[in-house]
C-alpha atoms as a PDB file:
ATOM      1  CA  UNK A   1      -0.687   0.410  -0.003  1.00  0.00           C
ATOM      2  CA  UNK A   2       2.923   2.310   0.564  1.00  0.00           C
ATOM      3  CA  UNK A   3       5.031   1.279  -2.250  1.00  0.00           C
ATOM      4  CA  UNK A   4       1.231   2.333  -4.289  1.00  0.00           C
ATOM      5  CA  UNK A   5       0.868   5.531  -2.607  1.00  0.00           C
ATOM      6  CA  UNK A   6       4.124   6.630  -3.805  1.00  0.00           C
ATOM      7  CA  UNK A   7       3.924   5.410  -6.908  1.00  0.00           C
ATOM      8  CA  UNK A   8       0.358   7.027  -7.679  1.00  0.00           C
ATOM      9  CA  UNK A   9       1.914  10.297  -6.035  1.00  0.00           C
ATOM     10  CA  UNK A  10       4.709  10.318  -8.604  1.00  0.00           C
ATOM     11  CA  UNK A  11       2.427   9.820 -11.325  1.00  0.00           C
ATOM     12  CA  UNK A  12       0.881  13.024 -10.265  1.00  0.00           C
ATOM     13  CA  UNK A  13       3.476  15.189 -10.081  1.00  0.00           C
ATOM     14  CA  UNK A  14       4.953  14.063 -13.057  1.00  0.00           C
ATOM     15  CA  UNK A  15       1.207  14.881 -14.264  1.00  0.00           C
ATOM     16  CA  UNK A  16       1.841  17.826 -12.739  1.00  0.00           C
ATOM     17  CA  UNK A  17       4.865  19.383 -14.446  1.00  0.00           C
ATOM     18  CA  UNK A  18       3.758  17.774 -17.813  1.00  0.00           C
ATOM     19  CA  UNK A  19       0.964  20.180 -17.142  1.00  0.00           C
ATOM     20  CA  UNK A  20       2.170  23.239 -15.934  1.00  0.00           C
ATOM     21  CA  UNK A  21       5.893  23.259 -15.788  1.00  0.00           C
ATOM     22  CA  UNK A  22       5.930  23.435 -12.107  1.00  0.00           C
ATOM     23  CA  UNK A  23       4.146  22.668  -8.769  1.00  0.00           C
ATOM     24  CA  UNK A  24       4.951  23.893  -5.424  1.00  0.00           C
ATOM     25  CA  UNK A  25       5.914  22.299  -2.016  1.00  0.00           C
ATOM     26  CA  UNK A  26       2.640  23.258  -0.117  1.00  0.00           C
ATOM     27  CA  UNK A  27      -0.301  22.559  -3.115  1.00  0.00           C
ATOM     28  CA  UNK A  28       1.011  19.067  -4.054  1.00  0.00           C
ATOM     29  CA  UNK A  29       1.523  18.163  -0.414  1.00  0.00           C
ATOM     30  CA  UNK A  30      -2.205  19.460   0.389  1.00  0.00           C
ATOM     31  CA  UNK A  31      -2.989  17.998  -2.997  1.00  0.00           C
ATOM     32  CA  UNK A  32      -1.730  14.574  -2.027  1.00  0.00           C
ATOM     33  CA  UNK A  33      -2.111  14.794   1.091  1.00  0.00           C
ATOM     34  CA  UNK A  34       0.978  14.661   2.193  1.00  0.00           C
ATOM     35  CA  UNK A  35       3.773  16.003   4.465  1.00  0.00           C
ATOM     36  CA  UNK A  36       6.370  18.606   2.646  1.00  0.00           C
ATOM     37  CA  UNK A  37       8.719  16.121   3.622  1.00  0.00           C
ATOM     38  CA  UNK A  38       7.327  13.615   1.669  1.00  0.00           C
ATOM     39  CA  UNK A  39       6.788  15.795  -1.568  1.00  0.00           C
ATOM     40  CA  UNK A  40      10.375  17.138  -1.593  1.00  0.00           C
ATOM     41  CA  UNK A  41      11.255  13.350  -2.109  1.00  0.00           C
ATOM     42  CA  UNK A  42       8.644  12.711  -4.352  1.00  0.00           C
ATOM     43  CA  UNK A  43      10.740  15.401  -6.334  1.00  0.00           C
ATOM     44  CA  UNK A  44      13.879  14.363  -5.259  1.00  0.00           C
ATOM     45  CA  UNK A  45      13.279  11.011  -7.402  1.00  0.00           C
ATOM     46  CA  UNK A  46      12.191  12.866 -10.686  1.00  0.00           C
ATOM     47  CA  UNK A  47      15.397  15.086 -10.702  1.00  0.00           C
ATOM     48  CA  UNK A  48      17.360  11.451 -10.667  1.00  0.00           C
ATOM     49  CA  UNK A  49      14.830  10.281 -13.259  1.00  0.00           C
ATOM     50  CA  UNK A  50      14.770  13.697 -15.145  1.00  0.00           C
ATOM     51  CA  UNK A  51      12.298  14.966 -15.631  1.00  0.00           C
ATOM     52  CA  UNK A  52      12.203  18.162 -12.201  1.00  0.00           C
ATOM     53  CA  UNK A  53      14.239  20.491 -11.385  1.00  0.00           C
ATOM     54  CA  UNK A  54      13.711  21.577  -7.918  1.00  0.00           C
ATOM     55  CA  UNK A  55      13.806  25.468  -7.464  1.00  0.00           C
ATOM     56  CA  UNK A  56      12.862  27.350  -4.145  1.00  0.00           C
ATOM     57  CA  UNK A  57      10.136  25.742  -3.176  1.00  0.00           C
ATOM     58  CA  UNK A  58       9.035  23.160  -5.350  1.00  0.00           C
ATOM     59  CA  UNK A  59      10.116  21.852  -9.101  1.00  0.00           C
ATOM     60  CA  UNK A  60      10.009  22.770 -12.302  1.00  0.00           C
ATOM     61  CA  UNK A  61       9.573  20.348 -15.595  1.00  0.00           C
ATOM     62  CA  UNK A  62      13.646  19.618 -17.027  1.00  0.00           C
ATOM     63  CA  UNK A  63      12.579  20.742 -20.525  1.00  0.00           C
ATOM     64  CA  UNK A  64      11.519  24.240 -21.899  1.00  0.00           C
ATOM     65  CA  UNK A  65       8.068  24.561 -21.597  1.00  0.00           C
ATOM     66  CA  UNK A  66       5.655  26.616 -24.278  1.00  0.00           C
ATOM     67  CA  UNK A  67       4.278  29.542 -24.015  1.00  0.00           C
ATOM     68  CA  UNK A  68       0.685  28.198 -22.573  1.00  0.00           C
ATOM     69  CA  UNK A  69       2.534  26.012 -20.429  1.00  0.00           C
ATOM     70  CA  UNK A  70       4.282  28.763 -18.727  1.00  0.00           C
ATOM     71  CA  UNK A  71       1.117  31.724 -18.995  1.00  0.00           C
ATOM     72  CA  UNK A  72      -0.650  29.825 -15.994  1.00  0.00           C
ATOM     73  CA  UNK A  73       2.499  29.379 -13.713  1.00  0.00           C
ATOM     74  CA  UNK A  74       1.833  31.226 -10.794  1.00  0.00           C
ATOM     75  CA  UNK A  75      -0.180  34.357 -13.124  1.00  0.00           C
ATOM     76  CA  UNK A  76      -1.160  36.590 -10.500  1.00  0.00           C
ATOM     77  CA  UNK A  77       2.953  37.492  -9.590  1.00  0.00           C
ATOM     78  CA  UNK A  78       3.665  37.805 -12.087  1.00  0.00           C
ATOM     79  CA  UNK A  79       0.570  40.123 -13.175  1.00  0.00           C
ATOM     80  CA  UNK A  80       2.287  41.888 -10.317  1.00  0.00           C
ATOM     81  CA  UNK A  81       5.652  42.557 -11.145  1.00  0.00           C
ATOM     82  CA  UNK A  82       4.827  43.957 -14.670  1.00  0.00           C
ATOM     83  CA  UNK A  83       2.642  46.598 -13.273  1.00  0.00           C
ATOM     84  CA  UNK A  84       5.571  47.220 -11.281  1.00  0.00           C
ATOM     85  CA  UNK A  85       8.037  47.342 -13.749  1.00  0.00           C
ATOM     86  CA  UNK A  86       4.923  49.806 -16.637  1.00  0.00           C
ATOM     87  CA  UNK A  87       5.979  52.677 -14.936  1.00  0.00           C
ATOM     88  CA  UNK A  88       9.728  52.341 -16.015  1.00  0.00           C
ATOM     89  CA  UNK A  89       8.577  51.853 -19.906  1.00  0.00           C
ATOM     90  CA  UNK A  90       9.684  55.225 -21.472  1.00  0.00           C
ATOM     91  CA  UNK A  91       6.785  57.287 -23.324  1.00  0.00           C
ATOM     92  CA  UNK A  92       9.673  57.157 -26.283  1.00  0.00           C
ATOM     93  CA  UNK A  93      12.588  55.595 -27.743  1.00  0.00           C
ATOM     94  CA  UNK A  94      13.508  51.232 -28.108  1.00  0.00           C
ATOM     95  CA  UNK A  95      13.327  48.620 -25.612  1.00  0.00           C
ATOM     96  CA  UNK A  96      13.378  45.065 -25.586  1.00  0.00           C
ATOM     97  CA  UNK A  97      11.137  42.681 -23.982  1.00  0.00           C
ATOM     98  CA  UNK A  98      12.072  38.578 -24.305  1.00  0.00           C
ATOM     99  CA  UNK A  99       9.946  35.901 -24.493  1.00  0.00           C
ATOM    100  CA  UNK A 100       8.879  35.564 -20.944  1.00  0.00           C
ATOM    101  CA  UNK A 101       5.006  35.202 -20.286  1.00  0.00           C
ATOM    102  CA  UNK A 102       6.048  38.229 -17.871  1.00  0.00           C
ATOM    103  CA  UNK A 103       7.020  40.447 -20.549  1.00  0.00           C
ATOM    104  CA  UNK A 104       4.026  39.610 -22.055  1.00  0.00           C
ATOM    105  CA  UNK A 105       1.898  41.255 -19.508  1.00  0.00           C
ATOM    106  CA  UNK A 106       3.651  43.793 -19.482  1.00  0.00           C
ATOM    107  CA  UNK A 107       3.769  44.246 -22.880  1.00  0.00           C
ATOM    108  CA  UNK A 108      -0.028  44.031 -22.645  1.00  0.00           C
ATOM    109  CA  UNK A 109       0.101  47.005 -19.678  1.00  0.00           C
ATOM    110  CA  UNK A 110       1.460  49.561 -22.121  1.00  0.00           C
ATOM    111  CA  UNK A 111      -2.118  51.594 -23.642  1.00  0.00           C
ATOM    112  CA  UNK A 112      -0.184  54.150 -25.413  1.00  0.00           C
ATOM    113  CA  UNK A 113       3.569  55.688 -25.722  1.00  0.00           C
ATOM    114  CA  UNK A 114       4.955  59.282 -27.987  1.00  0.00           C
ATOM    115  CA  UNK A 115       7.285  57.274 -30.167  1.00  0.00           C
ATOM    116  CA  UNK A 116       8.541  53.781 -28.614  1.00  0.00           C
ATOM    117  CA  UNK A 117       9.926  50.502 -30.457  1.00  0.00           C
ATOM    118  CA  UNK A 118       9.021  47.542 -28.566  1.00  0.00           C
ATOM    119  CA  UNK A 119      12.244  44.403 -30.245  1.00  0.00           C
ATOM    120  CA  UNK A 120      10.698  41.155 -29.359  1.00  0.00           C
ATOM    121  CA  UNK A 121      12.038  37.774 -29.796  1.00  0.00           C
ATOM    122  CA  UNK A 122       8.097  36.862 -29.411  1.00  0.00           C
ATOM    123  CA  UNK A 123       5.107  36.497 -31.725  1.00  0.00           C
ATOM    124  CA  UNK A 124       2.227  36.743 -28.593  1.00  0.00           C
ATOM    125  CA  UNK A 125       4.280  39.927 -27.561  1.00  0.00           C
ATOM    126  CA  UNK A 126       4.545  41.014 -30.728  1.00  0.00           C
ATOM    127  CA  UNK A 127       0.537  40.434 -31.368  1.00  0.00           C
ATOM    128  CA  UNK A 128      -0.490  41.895 -28.197  1.00  0.00           C
ATOM    129  CA  UNK A 129       1.191  45.534 -28.669  1.00  0.00           C
ATOM    130  CA  UNK A 130      -0.793  45.503 -31.927  1.00  0.00           C
ATOM    131  CA  UNK A 131      -3.219  48.644 -32.701  1.00  0.00           C
ATOM    132  CA  UNK A 132      -1.130  50.390 -29.405  1.00  0.00           C
ATOM    133  CA  UNK A 133      -1.071  54.433 -29.968  1.00  0.00           C
ATOM    134  CA  UNK A 134       2.661  55.495 -30.996  1.00  0.00           C
ATOM    135  CA  UNK A 135       3.917  51.811 -30.130  1.00  0.00           C
ATOM    136  CA  UNK A 136       5.595  50.484 -33.232  1.00  0.00           C
ATOM    137  CA  UNK A 137       6.380  46.333 -32.339  1.00  0.00           C
ATOM    138  CA  UNK A 138       9.547  44.825 -34.059  1.00  0.00           C
ATOM    139  CA  UNK A 139      10.349  41.168 -34.110  1.00  0.00           C
ATOM    140  CA  UNK A 140      14.128  39.916 -33.912  1.00  0.00           C
ATOM    141  CA  UNK A 141      13.646  37.453 -36.673  1.00  0.00           C
ATOM    142  CA  UNK A 142      15.500  34.099 -36.309  1.00  0.00           C
ATOM    143  CA  UNK A 143      14.346  30.237 -35.787  1.00  0.00           C
ATOM    144  CA  UNK A 144      11.401  29.833 -34.509  1.00  0.00           C
ATOM    145  CA  UNK A 145      11.413  27.486 -31.150  1.00  0.00           C
ATOM    146  CA  UNK A 146       8.899  25.102 -30.793  1.00  0.00           C
ATOM    147  CA  UNK A 147      10.491  24.494 -27.016  1.00  0.00           C
ATOM    148  CA  UNK A 148       9.938  27.775 -26.028  1.00  0.00           C
ATOM    149  CA  UNK A 149       7.478  29.105 -28.416  1.00  0.00           C
ATOM    150  CA  UNK A 150      10.558  32.049 -29.103  1.00  0.00           C
ATOM    151  CA  UNK A 151      12.783  33.426 -32.037  1.00  0.00           C
ATOM    152  CA  UNK A 152      16.390  31.869 -31.099  1.00  0.00           C
ATOM    153  CA  UNK A 153      19.786  31.984 -32.939  1.00  0.00           C
ATOM    154  CA  UNK A 154      22.397  33.881 -34.730  1.00  0.00           C
ATOM    155  CA  UNK A 155      19.975  36.208 -36.661  1.00  0.00           C
ATOM    156  CA  UNK A 156      18.016  37.087 -33.579  1.00  0.00           C
ATOM    157  CA  UNK A 157      21.301  38.058 -31.875  1.00  0.00           C
ATOM    158  CA  UNK A 158      22.579  39.974 -34.851  1.00  0.00           C
ATOM    159  CA  UNK A 159      19.515  42.002 -35.307  1.00  0.00           C
ATOM    160  CA  UNK A 160      19.897  42.761 -31.386  1.00  0.00           C
ATOM    161  CA  UNK A 161      24.011  43.457 -31.969  1.00  0.00           C
ATOM    162  CA  UNK A 162      23.431  46.071 -34.728  1.00  0.00           C
ATOM    163  CA  UNK A 163      20.864  48.442 -31.898  1.00  0.00           C
ATOM    164  CA  UNK A 164      21.197  50.480 -28.705  1.00  0.00           C
ATOM    165  CA  UNK A 165      17.793  49.982 -26.950  1.00  0.00           C
ATOM    166  CA  UNK A 166      17.274  52.338 -23.713  1.00  0.00           C
ATOM    167  CA  UNK A 167      15.996  49.250 -21.581  1.00  0.00           C
ATOM    168  CA  UNK A 168      15.709  45.839 -22.071  1.00  0.00           C
ATOM    169  CA  UNK A 169      13.653  44.226 -19.734  1.00  0.00           C
ATOM    170  CA  UNK A 170      13.133  40.649 -19.368  1.00  0.00           C
ATOM    171  CA  UNK A 171      12.529  37.439 -17.841  1.00  0.00           C
ATOM    172  CA  UNK A 172      14.494  34.562 -15.945  1.00  0.00           C
ATOM    173  CA  UNK A 173      14.362  30.634 -16.072  1.00  0.00           C
ATOM    174  CA  UNK A 174      16.735  30.628 -12.534  1.00  0.00           C
ATOM    175  CA  UNK A 175      18.731  32.941 -10.526  1.00  0.00           C
ATOM    176  CA  UNK A 176      21.600  32.065  -8.341  1.00  0.00           C
ATOM    177  CA  UNK A 177      24.922  33.073  -7.258  1.00  0.00           C
ATOM    178  CA  UNK A 178      26.080  35.913  -9.566  1.00  0.00           C
ATOM    179  CA  UNK A 179      23.885  34.527 -12.858  1.00  0.00           C
ATOM    180  CA  UNK A 180      20.766  34.454 -14.167  1.00  0.00           C
ATOM    181  CA  UNK A 181      19.939  31.173 -15.894  1.00  0.00           C
ATOM    182  CA  UNK A 182      17.780  29.567 -18.566  1.00  0.00           C
ATOM    183  CA  UNK A 183      16.001  26.980 -20.298  1.00  0.00           C
ATOM    184  CA  UNK A 184      18.150  26.626 -23.017  1.00  0.00           C
ATOM    185  CA  UNK A 185      21.741  27.381 -24.818  1.00  0.00           C
ATOM    186  CA  UNK A 186      20.019  29.774 -27.551  1.00  0.00           C
ATOM    187  CA  UNK A 187      17.557  31.693 -25.036  1.00  0.00           C
ATOM    188  CA  UNK A 188      20.502  32.158 -23.132  1.00  0.00           C
ATOM    189  CA  UNK A 189      23.430  33.435 -25.651  1.00  0.00           C
ATOM    190  CA  UNK A 190      20.425  36.084 -26.870  1.00  0.00           C
ATOM    191  CA  UNK A 191      19.989  37.740 -23.394  1.00  0.00           C
ATOM    192  CA  UNK A 192      23.517  38.191 -22.928  1.00  0.00           C
ATOM    193  CA  UNK A 193      23.572  39.819 -26.208  1.00  0.00           C
ATOM    194  CA  UNK A 194      20.439  42.267 -25.284  1.00  0.00           C
ATOM    195  CA  UNK A 195      21.836  43.098 -21.664  1.00  0.00           C
ATOM    196  CA  UNK A 196      25.795  43.619 -23.841  1.00  0.00           C
ATOM    197  CA  UNK A 197      23.936  46.474 -26.147  1.00  0.00           C
ATOM    198  CA  UNK A 198      21.326  47.870 -24.336  1.00  0.00           C
ATOM    199  CA  UNK A 199      21.723  50.863 -21.905  1.00  0.00           C
ATOM    200  CA  UNK A 200      19.931  49.156 -18.945  1.00  0.00           C
ATOM    201  CA  UNK A 201      18.791  45.314 -17.945  1.00  0.00           C
ATOM    202  CA  UNK A 202      15.755  45.296 -15.780  1.00  0.00           C
ATOM    203  CA  UNK A 203      15.125  41.563 -14.608  1.00  0.00           C
ATOM    204  CA  UNK A 204      11.312  40.821 -13.224  1.00  0.00           C
ATOM    205  CA  UNK A 205      11.424  37.373 -11.702  1.00  0.00           C
ATOM    206  CA  UNK A 206       9.318  36.039  -8.843  1.00  0.00           C
ATOM    207  CA  UNK A 207      10.280  34.955  -5.801  1.00  0.00           C
ATOM    208  CA  UNK A 208      10.241  31.210  -6.734  1.00  0.00           C
ATOM    209  CA  UNK A 209      13.353  31.581  -8.873  1.00  0.00           C
ATOM    210  CA  UNK A 210      15.654  32.472  -6.953  1.00  0.00           C
ATOM    211  CA  UNK A 211      18.254  30.489  -5.835  1.00  0.00           C
ATOM    212  CA  UNK A 212      17.273  28.393  -8.863  1.00  0.00           C
ATOM    213  CA  UNK A 213      19.257  27.504 -10.946  1.00  0.00           C
ATOM    214  CA  UNK A 214      18.539  26.446 -14.911  1.00  0.00           C
ATOM    215  CA  UNK A 215      20.834  24.743 -17.887  1.00  0.00           C
ATOM    216  CA  UNK A 216      22.109  27.957 -19.190  1.00  0.00           C
ATOM    217  CA  UNK A 217      23.800  30.925 -17.266  1.00  0.00           C
ATOM    218  CA  UNK A 218      22.682  34.313 -19.299  1.00  0.00           C
ATOM    219  CA  UNK A 219      23.031  37.477 -17.621  1.00  0.00           C
ATOM    220  CA  UNK A 220      24.707  38.480 -14.685  1.00  0.00           C
ATOM    221  CA  UNK A 221      23.945  40.414 -12.135  1.00  0.00           C
ATOM    222  CA  UNK A 222      26.694  42.906 -11.547  1.00  0.00           C
ATOM    223  CA  UNK A 223      25.300  44.104 -14.738  1.00  0.00           C
ATOM    224  CA  UNK A 224      21.007  44.755 -14.066  1.00  0.00           C
ATOM    225  CA  UNK A 225      20.031  47.596 -12.927  1.00  0.00           C
ATOM    226  CA  UNK A 226      16.748  46.416 -11.354  1.00  0.00           C
ATOM    227  CA  UNK A 227      15.776  43.611  -9.894  1.00  0.00           C
ATOM    228  CA  UNK A 228      11.621  42.735  -9.755  1.00  0.00           C
ATOM    229  CA  UNK A 229       9.338  40.316  -7.812  1.00  0.00           C
ATOM    230  CA  UNK A 230       6.814  40.301  -6.490  1.00  0.00           C
ATOM    231  CA  UNK A 231       6.872  41.141  -3.130  1.00  0.00           C
ATOM    232  CA  UNK A 232       8.229  44.279  -1.385  1.00  0.00           C
ATOM    233  CA  UNK A 233      12.522  45.738  -1.902  1.00  0.00           C
ATOM    234  CA  UNK A 234      12.413  45.225   1.867  1.00  0.00           C
ATOM    235  CA  UNK A 235      11.346  41.827   1.971  1.00  0.00           C
ATOM    236  CA  UNK A 236      13.753  38.833   3.759  1.00  0.00           C
ATOM    237  CA  UNK A 237      13.633  36.882   1.204  1.00  0.00           C
ATOM    238  CA  UNK A 238      15.817  39.241  -1.367  1.00  0.00           C
ATOM    239  CA  UNK A 239      18.486  39.820   1.852  1.00  0.00           C
ATOM    240  CA  UNK A 240      21.049  38.845  -0.499  1.00  0.00           C
ATOM    241  CA  UNK A 241      20.017  40.296  -3.703  1.00  0.00           C
ATOM    242  CA  UNK A 242      20.523  43.815  -2.237  1.00  0.00           C
ATOM    243  CA  UNK A 243      24.209  43.238  -1.827  1.00  0.00           C
ATOM    244  CA  UNK A 244      23.818  41.924  -6.223  1.00  0.00           C
ATOM    245  CA  UNK A 245      21.412  44.359  -7.505  1.00  0.00           C
ATOM    246  CA  UNK A 246      21.051  47.685  -7.892  1.00  0.00           C
ATOM    247  CA  UNK A 247      17.646  48.459  -7.472  1.00  0.00           C
ATOM    248  CA  UNK A 248      15.336  46.451  -5.966  1.00  0.00           C
ATOM    249  CA  UNK A 249      11.680  46.702  -7.269  1.00  0.00           C
END
């Protein structure tokens, strides 16, 4: 019976990771009727199988997630981060938005501008910006990555490297030590290029991504002008990051 119960838990966690892209210890423990310690052990097994990557407070699916799957995960936190970032969007100039669902939400909040060009490697973000007065949306070009619904590759990077954006707004797959991390090497390379040519880099990431690694290192925290999360800047969860970034939002 105990063995069967464990198998059922593993299958539930596997299905949840596949469908939503992530699980939290608290939610999984409540749904399964077990302790968080038990869920942590089950997730360790899935991590050993290569199915999951453990992060603060839970785990994420080990494969790059589609836009739809990412969009349904921690939606309230992403919405709050987007609202906090909106005042940083200039009325004119050039900004870059990455292919994250957080920056998609930021794009959706931009009502109008004076003369703002928004470059993105996200088709969804490009589409949501259509028809906004004073806003011109541009795609980077590049190869479409079906795993993450984003444009990547040398052509996308070459487009970015010819420009000098005012602000690069990005989310990240994880932040650990002095670096941000992404789920694919190609996405990491593109974000490095965006950060390198932009005057300012602003990272918006919910706290589940803190102290968590993904496959490839991207933007160095020392180059980040501001880190925005869903919690207040003086929250204890951000204590270590006050030393690593110039500004917390």
